[in-house]
PDB file of N, CA and C in Angstrom:
ATOM      1  N   UNK A   1     -43.211 -74.495 140.637  1.00  0.00           N
ATOM      2  CA  UNK A   1     -42.696 -75.513 141.526  1.00  0.00           C
ATOM      3  C   UNK A   1     -41.489 -76.175 140.903  1.00  0.00           C
ATOM      4  N   UNK A   2     -40.547 -76.545 141.742  1.00  0.00           N
ATOM      5  CA  UNK A   2     -39.328 -77.152 141.232  1.00  0.00           C
ATOM      6  C   UNK A   2     -39.535 -78.630 140.964  1.00  0.00           C
ATOM      7  N   UNK A   3     -38.647 -79.203 140.165  1.00  0.00           N
ATOM      8  CA  UNK A   3     -38.711 -80.619 139.855  1.00  0.00           C
ATOM      9  C   UNK A   3     -38.455 -81.485 141.080  1.00  0.00           C
ATOM     10  N   UNK A   4     -37.592 -81.006 141.980  1.00  0.00           N
ATOM     11  CA  UNK A   4     -37.286 -81.779 143.185  1.00  0.00           C
ATOM     12  C   UNK A   4     -38.524 -81.924 144.052  1.00  0.00           C
ATOM     13  N   UNK A   5     -39.335 -80.865 144.128  1.00  0.00           N
ATOM     14  CA  UNK A   5     -40.554 -80.938 144.928  1.00  0.00           C
ATOM     15  C   UNK A   5     -41.512 -81.966 144.344  1.00  0.00           C
ATOM     16  N   UNK A   6     -41.610 -81.992 143.032  1.00  0.00           N
ATOM     17  CA  UNK A   6     -42.490 -82.944 142.372  1.00  0.00           C
ATOM     18  C   UNK A   6     -42.035 -84.373 142.597  1.00  0.00           C
ATOM     19  N   UNK A   7     -40.719 -84.606 142.604  1.00  0.00           N
ATOM     20  CA  UNK A   7     -40.189 -85.941 142.841  1.00  0.00           C
ATOM     21  C   UNK A   7     -40.481 -86.390 144.268  1.00  0.00           C
ATOM     22  N   UNK A   8     -40.324 -85.497 145.225  1.00  0.00           N
ATOM     23  CA  UNK A   8     -40.622 -85.841 146.611  1.00  0.00           C
ATOM     24  C   UNK A   8     -42.085 -86.230 146.753  1.00  0.00           C
ATOM     25  N   UNK A   9     -42.943 -85.538 146.036  1.00  0.00           N
ATOM     26  CA  UNK A   9     -44.369 -85.849 146.091  1.00  0.00           C
ATOM     27  C   UNK A   9     -44.639 -87.234 145.522  1.00  0.00           C
ATOM     28  N   UNK A  10     -43.951 -87.592 144.435  1.00  0.00           N
ATOM     29  CA  UNK A  10     -44.153 -88.896 143.802  1.00  0.00           C
ATOM     30  C   UNK A  10     -43.651 -90.027 144.706  1.00  0.00           C
ATOM     31  N   UNK A  11     -42.622 -89.775 145.505  1.00  0.00           N
ATOM     32  CA  UNK A  11     -42.065 -90.786 146.398  1.00  0.00           C
ATOM     33  C   UNK A  11     -42.727 -90.777 147.775  1.00  0.00           C
ATOM     34  N   UNK A  12     -43.675 -89.919 147.985  1.00  0.00           N
ATOM     35  CA  UNK A  12     -44.319 -89.746 149.284  1.00  0.00           C
ATOM     36  C   UNK A  12     -45.191 -90.960 149.615  1.00  0.00           C
ATOM     37  N   UNK A  13     -44.854 -91.702 150.677  1.00  0.00           N
ATOM     38  CA  UNK A  13     -45.650 -92.883 151.022  1.00  0.00           C
ATOM     39  C   UNK A  13     -47.030 -92.549 151.573  1.00  0.00           C
ATOM     40  N   UNK A  14     -47.272 -91.271 151.880  1.00  0.00           N
ATOM     41  CA  UNK A  14     -48.555 -90.870 152.430  1.00  0.00           C
ATOM     42  C   UNK A  14     -49.591 -90.530 151.356  1.00  0.00           C
ATOM     43  N   UNK A  15     -49.125 -90.361 150.124  1.00  0.00           N
ATOM     44  CA  UNK A  15     -50.032 -90.016 149.027  1.00  0.00           C
ATOM     45  C   UNK A  15     -50.962 -91.196 148.754  1.00  0.00           C
ATOM     46  N   UNK A  16     -52.237 -90.920 148.695  1.00  0.00           N
ATOM     47  CA  UNK A  16     -53.215 -91.948 148.361  1.00  0.00           C
ATOM     48  C   UNK A  16     -53.695 -92.792 149.526  1.00  0.00           C
ATOM     49  N   UNK A  17     -53.240 -92.486 150.735  1.00  0.00           N
ATOM     50  CA  UNK A  17     -53.717 -93.252 151.893  1.00  0.00           C
ATOM     51  C   UNK A  17     -55.158 -92.878 152.212  1.00  0.00           C
ATOM     52  N   UNK A  18     -55.931 -93.823 152.725  1.00  0.00           N
ATOM     53  CA  UNK A  18     -57.273 -93.470 153.200  1.00  0.00           C
ATOM     54  C   UNK A  18     -57.160 -92.579 154.439  1.00  0.00           C
ATOM     55  N   UNK A  19     -58.247 -91.958 154.833  1.00  0.00           N
ATOM     56  CA  UNK A  19     -58.224 -91.051 155.989  1.00  0.00           C
ATOM     57  C   UNK A  19     -57.816 -91.759 157.274  1.00  0.00           C
ATOM     58  N   UNK A  20     -58.269 -92.980 157.444  1.00  0.00           N
ATOM     59  CA  UNK A  20     -57.941 -93.763 158.626  1.00  0.00           C
ATOM     60  C   UNK A  20     -57.276 -95.058 158.183  1.00  0.00           C
ATOM     61  N   UNK A  21     -56.185 -95.413 158.852  1.00  0.00           N
ATOM     62  CA  UNK A  21     -55.516 -96.669 158.533  1.00  0.00           C
ATOM     63  C   UNK A  21     -55.350 -97.485 159.810  1.00  0.00           C
ATOM     64  N   UNK A  22     -55.380 -98.799 159.689  1.00  0.00           N
ATOM     65  CA  UNK A  22     -55.197 -99.638 160.880  1.00  0.00           C
ATOM     66  C   UNK A  22     -53.819 -99.412 161.502  1.00  0.00           C
ATOM     67  N   UNK A  23     -53.734 -99.589 162.803  1.00  0.00           N
ATOM     68  CA  UNK A  23     -52.485 -99.365 163.518  1.00  0.00           C
ATOM     69  C   UNK A  23     -51.339-100.206 162.949  1.00  0.00           C
ATOM     70  N   UNK A  24     -51.539-101.490 162.650  1.00  0.00           N
ATOM     71  CA  UNK A  24     -50.419-102.259 162.088  1.00  0.00           C
ATOM     72  C   UNK A  24     -49.907-101.697 160.750  1.00  0.00           C
ATOM     73  N   UNK A  25     -50.798-101.190 159.916  1.00  0.00           N
ATOM     74  CA  UNK A  25     -50.377-100.588 158.645  1.00  0.00           C
ATOM     75  C   UNK A  25     -49.574 -99.317 158.903  1.00  0.00           C
ATOM     76  N   UNK A  26     -50.006 -98.509 159.866  1.00  0.00           N
ATOM     77  CA  UNK A  26     -49.267 -97.291 160.213  1.00  0.00           C
ATOM     78  C   UNK A  26     -47.884 -97.644 160.749  1.00  0.00           C
ATOM     79  N   UNK A  27     -47.809 -98.710 161.543  1.00  0.00           N
ATOM     80  CA  UNK A  27     -46.523 -99.148 162.087  1.00  0.00           C
ATOM     81  C   UNK A  27     -45.556 -99.499 160.966  1.00  0.00           C
ATOM     82  N   UNK A  28     -46.027-100.246 159.979  1.00  0.00           N
ATOM     83  CA  UNK A  28     -45.176-100.603 158.842  1.00  0.00           C
ATOM     84  C   UNK A  28     -44.740 -99.359 158.077  1.00  0.00           C
ATOM     85  N   UNK A  29     -45.673 -98.438 157.899  1.00  0.00           N
ATOM     86  CA  UNK A  29     -45.400 -97.229 157.136  1.00  0.00           C
ATOM     87  C   UNK A  29     -44.293 -96.386 157.761  1.00  0.00           C
ATOM     88  N   UNK A  30     -44.297 -96.290 159.084  1.00  0.00           N
ATOM     89  CA  UNK A  30     -43.298 -95.447 159.749  1.00  0.00           C
ATOM     90  C   UNK A  30     -42.113 -96.238 160.290  1.00  0.00           C
ATOM     91  N   UNK A  31     -42.144 -97.566 160.100  1.00  0.00           N
ATOM     92  CA  UNK A  31     -40.986 -98.382 160.439  1.00  0.00           C
ATOM     93  C   UNK A  31     -40.821 -98.706 161.909  1.00  0.00           C
ATOM     94  N   UNK A  32     -41.942 -98.907 162.598  1.00  0.00           N
ATOM     95  CA  UNK A  32     -41.867 -99.324 163.994  1.00  0.00           C
ATOM     96  C   UNK A  32     -42.658-100.617 164.151  1.00  0.00           C
ATOM     97  N   UNK A  33     -42.486-101.275 165.276  1.00  0.00           N
ATOM     98  CA  UNK A  33     -43.206-102.524 165.505  1.00  0.00           C
ATOM     99  C   UNK A  33     -44.686-102.240 165.776  1.00  0.00           C
ATOM    100  N   UNK A  34     -45.479-103.259 165.559  1.00  0.00           N
ATOM    101  CA  UNK A  34     -46.921-103.164 165.834  1.00  0.00           C
ATOM    102  C   UNK A  34     -47.150-102.829 167.309  1.00  0.00           C
ATOM    103  N   UNK A  35     -46.405-103.493 168.191  1.00  0.00           N
ATOM    104  CA  UNK A  35     -46.542-103.259 169.630  1.00  0.00           C
ATOM    105  C   UNK A  35     -46.189-101.822 169.992  1.00  0.00           C
ATOM    106  N   UNK A  36     -45.123-101.305 169.391  1.00  0.00           N
ATOM    107  CA  UNK A  36     -44.727 -99.917 169.667  1.00  0.00           C
ATOM    108  C   UNK A  36     -45.812 -98.954 169.184  1.00  0.00           C
ATOM    109  N   UNK A  37     -46.400 -99.236 168.032  1.00  0.00           N
ATOM    110  CA  UNK A  37     -47.457 -98.371 167.507  1.00  0.00           C
ATOM    111  C   UNK A  37     -48.653 -98.349 168.456  1.00  0.00           C
ATOM    112  N   UNK A  38     -49.024 -99.505 168.990  1.00  0.00           N
ATOM    113  CA  UNK A  38     -50.140 -99.541 169.943  1.00  0.00           C
ATOM    114  C   UNK A  38     -49.778 -98.815 171.240  1.00  0.00           C
ATOM    115  N   UNK A  39     -48.511 -98.883 171.661  1.00  0.00           N
ATOM    116  CA  UNK A  39     -48.087 -98.136 172.854  1.00  0.00           C
ATOM    117  C   UNK A  39     -48.192 -96.634 172.606  1.00  0.00           C
ATOM    118  N   UNK A  40     -47.712 -96.170 171.434  1.00  0.00           N
ATOM    119  CA  UNK A  40     -47.823 -94.751 171.095  1.00  0.00           C
ATOM    120  C   UNK A  40     -49.291 -94.335 171.027  1.00  0.00           C
ATOM    121  N   UNK A  41     -50.129 -95.200 170.485  1.00  0.00           N
ATOM    122  CA  UNK A  41     -51.564 -94.890 170.372  1.00  0.00           C
ATOM    123  C   UNK A  41     -52.199 -94.774 171.752  1.00  0.00           C
ATOM    124  N   UNK A  42     -51.894 -95.720 172.644  1.00  0.00           N
ATOM    125  CA  UNK A  42     -52.522 -95.691 173.967  1.00  0.00           C
ATOM    126  C   UNK A  42     -52.016 -94.538 174.823  1.00  0.00           C
ATOM    127  N   UNK A  43     -50.778 -94.092 174.568  1.00  0.00           N
ATOM    128  CA  UNK A  43     -50.237 -92.964 175.342  1.00  0.00           C
ATOM    129  C   UNK A  43     -50.708 -91.616 174.798  1.00  0.00           C
ATOM    130  N   UNK A  44     -51.336 -91.642 173.617  1.00  0.00           N
ATOM    131  CA  UNK A  44     -51.818 -90.394 173.031  1.00  0.00           C
ATOM    132  C   UNK A  44     -50.815 -89.728 172.108  1.00  0.00           C
ATOM    133  N   UNK A  45     -49.657 -90.353 171.910  1.00  0.00           N
ATOM    134  CA  UNK A  45     -48.640 -89.770 171.037  1.00  0.00           C
ATOM    135  C   UNK A  45     -48.965 -89.963 169.561  1.00  0.00           C
ATOM    136  N   UNK A  46     -49.569 -91.078 169.225  1.00  0.00           N
ATOM    137  CA  UNK A  46     -49.941 -91.367 167.846  1.00  0.00           C
ATOM    138  C   UNK A  46     -51.369 -90.886 167.622  1.00  0.00           C
ATOM    139  N   UNK A  47     -51.615 -90.132 166.540  1.00  0.00           N
ATOM    140  CA  UNK A  47     -52.950 -89.571 166.308  1.00  0.00           C
ATOM    141  C   UNK A  47     -53.945 -90.664 165.898  1.00  0.00           C
ATOM    142  N   UNK A  48     -54.867 -90.982 166.803  1.00  0.00           N
ATOM    143  CA  UNK A  48     -55.805 -92.075 166.543  1.00  0.00           C
ATOM    144  C   UNK A  48     -57.251 -91.614 166.572  1.00  0.00           C
ATOM    145  N   UNK A  49     -58.091 -92.463 166.030  1.00  0.00           N
ATOM    146  CA  UNK A  49     -59.540 -92.285 166.080  1.00  0.00           C
ATOM    147  C   UNK A  49     -60.119 -93.653 166.400  1.00  0.00           C
ATOM    148  N   UNK A  50     -60.991 -93.713 167.362  1.00  0.00           N
ATOM    149  CA  UNK A  50     -61.640 -94.977 167.719  1.00  0.00           C
ATOM    150  C   UNK A  50     -63.013 -95.041 167.063  1.00  0.00           C
ATOM    151  N   UNK A  51     -63.270 -96.156 166.423  1.00  0.00           N
ATOM    152  CA  UNK A  51     -64.582 -96.425 165.842  1.00  0.00           C
ATOM    153  C   UNK A  51     -65.059 -97.733 166.455  1.00  0.00           C
ATOM    154  N   UNK A  52     -65.951 -97.594 167.417  1.00  0.00           N
ATOM    155  CA  UNK A  52     -66.340 -98.775 168.186  1.00  0.00           C
ATOM    156  C   UNK A  52     -65.148 -99.244 168.987  1.00  0.00           C
ATOM    157  N   UNK A  53     -64.828-100.530 168.853  1.00  0.00           N
ATOM    158  CA  UNK A  53     -63.684-101.076 169.574  1.00  0.00           C
ATOM    159  C   UNK A  53     -62.405-101.037 168.751  1.00  0.00           C
ATOM    160  N   UNK A  54     -62.511-100.629 167.507  1.00  0.00           N
ATOM    161  CA  UNK A  54     -61.336-100.592 166.624  1.00  0.00           C
ATOM    162  C   UNK A  54     -60.589 -99.269 166.758  1.00  0.00           C
ATOM    163  N   UNK A  55     -59.283 -99.341 166.594  1.00  0.00           N
ATOM    164  CA  UNK A  55     -58.420 -98.161 166.691  1.00  0.00           C
ATOM    165  C   UNK A  55     -57.769 -97.947 165.327  1.00  0.00           C
ATOM    166  N   UNK A  56     -57.875 -96.731 164.832  1.00  0.00           N
ATOM    167  CA  UNK A  56     -57.276 -96.364 163.550  1.00  0.00           C
ATOM    168  C   UNK A  56     -56.376 -95.154 163.736  1.00  0.00           C
ATOM    169  N   UNK A  57     -55.385 -95.052 162.884  1.00  0.00           N
ATOM    170  CA  UNK A  57     -54.491 -93.902 162.886  1.00  0.00           C
ATOM    171  C   UNK A  57     -55.000 -92.910 161.841  1.00  0.00           C
ATOM    172  N   UNK A  58     -55.034 -91.636 162.223  1.00  0.00           N
ATOM    173  CA  UNK A  58     -55.451 -90.579 161.307  1.00  0.00           C
ATOM    174  C   UNK A  58     -54.260 -90.291 160.393  1.00  0.00           C
ATOM    175  N   UNK A  59     -54.371 -90.716 159.137  1.00  0.00           N
ATOM    176  CA  UNK A  59     -53.221 -90.640 158.236  1.00  0.00           C
ATOM    177  C   UNK A  59     -52.776 -89.206 157.971  1.00  0.00           C
ATOM    178  N   UNK A  60     -53.701 -88.256 157.946  1.00  0.00           N
ATOM    179  CA  UNK A  60     -53.339 -86.861 157.694  1.00  0.00           C
ATOM    180  C   UNK A  60     -52.459 -86.294 158.818  1.00  0.00           C
ATOM    181  N   UNK A  61     -52.612 -86.816 160.017  1.00  0.00           N
ATOM    182  CA  UNK A  61     -51.832 -86.319 161.149  1.00  0.00           C
ATOM    183  C   UNK A  61     -50.589 -87.155 161.409  1.00  0.00           C
ATOM    184  N   UNK A  62     -50.460 -88.278 160.693  1.00  0.00           N
ATOM    185  CA  UNK A  62     -49.312 -89.152 160.899  1.00  0.00           C
ATOM    186  C   UNK A  62     -48.014 -88.457 160.521  1.00  0.00           C
ATOM    187  N   UNK A  63     -48.030 -87.671 159.449  1.00  0.00           N
ATOM    188  CA  UNK A  63     -46.833 -86.929 159.029  1.00  0.00           C
ATOM    189  C   UNK A  63     -46.425 -85.946 160.130  1.00  0.00           C
ATOM    190  N   UNK A  64     -47.396 -85.277 160.758  1.00  0.00           N
ATOM    191  CA  UNK A  64     -47.084 -84.345 161.851  1.00  0.00           C
ATOM    192  C   UNK A  64     -46.412 -85.087 163.004  1.00  0.00           C
ATOM    193  N   UNK A  65     -46.883 -86.303 163.293  1.00  0.00           N
ATOM    194  CA  UNK A  65     -46.303 -87.118 164.354  1.00  0.00           C
ATOM    195  C   UNK A  65     -44.836 -87.405 164.053  1.00  0.00           C
ATOM    196  N   UNK A  66     -44.554 -87.790 162.813  1.00  0.00           N
ATOM    197  CA  UNK A  66     -43.190 -88.120 162.413  1.00  0.00           C
ATOM    198  C   UNK A  66     -42.308 -86.888 162.457  1.00  0.00           C
ATOM    199  N   UNK A  67     -42.810 -85.768 161.966  1.00  0.00           N
ATOM    200  CA  UNK A  67     -42.021 -84.533 161.962  1.00  0.00           C
ATOM    201  C   UNK A  67     -41.739 -84.063 163.384  1.00  0.00           C
ATOM    202  N   UNK A  68     -42.684 -84.229 164.289  1.00  0.00           N
ATOM    203  CA  UNK A  68     -42.476 -83.844 165.685  1.00  0.00           C
ATOM    204  C   UNK A  68     -41.409 -84.728 166.314  1.00  0.00           C
ATOM    205  N   UNK A  69     -41.393 -86.021 165.970  1.00  0.00           N
ATOM    206  CA  UNK A  69     -40.367 -86.934 166.481  1.00  0.00           C
ATOM    207  C   UNK A  69     -38.997 -86.548 165.939  1.00  0.00           C
ATOM    208  N   UNK A  70     -38.925 -86.133 164.661  1.00  0.00           N
ATOM    209  CA  UNK A  70     -37.661 -85.712 164.058  1.00  0.00           C
ATOM    210  C   UNK A  70     -37.102 -84.479 164.748  1.00  0.00           C
ATOM    211  N   UNK A  71     -37.977 -83.540 165.093  1.00  0.00           N
ATOM    212  CA  UNK A  71     -37.545 -82.306 165.744  1.00  0.00           C
ATOM    213  C   UNK A  71     -37.059 -82.581 167.160  1.00  0.00           C
ATOM    214  N   UNK A  72     -37.635 -83.577 167.818  1.00  0.00           N
ATOM    215  CA  UNK A  72     -37.236 -83.918 169.189  1.00  0.00           C
ATOM    216  C   UNK A  72     -35.876 -84.598 169.214  1.00  0.00           C
ATOM    217  N   UNK A  73     -35.513 -85.245 168.117  1.00  0.00           N
ATOM    218  CA  UNK A  73     -34.235 -85.993 168.075  1.00  0.00           C
ATOM    219  C   UNK A  73     -33.036 -85.087 167.882  1.00  0.00           C
TER     220      UNK A  73
END
């Protein structure tokens, strides 16, 4: 593996995240407002999991969400 790959891994904000993160934390992580994150979650665009009445973002799928948005732009 190259050194550049290792550096990207060290700077990766997704490393060490729990499996599920609260929507406001996910919003901060990807740089959108809390309200926008809840809109994406309710529309099905943001990968979520509901536990009771609480809504969490699936952190493992959050990167896929961001990459899909990048490809659409």
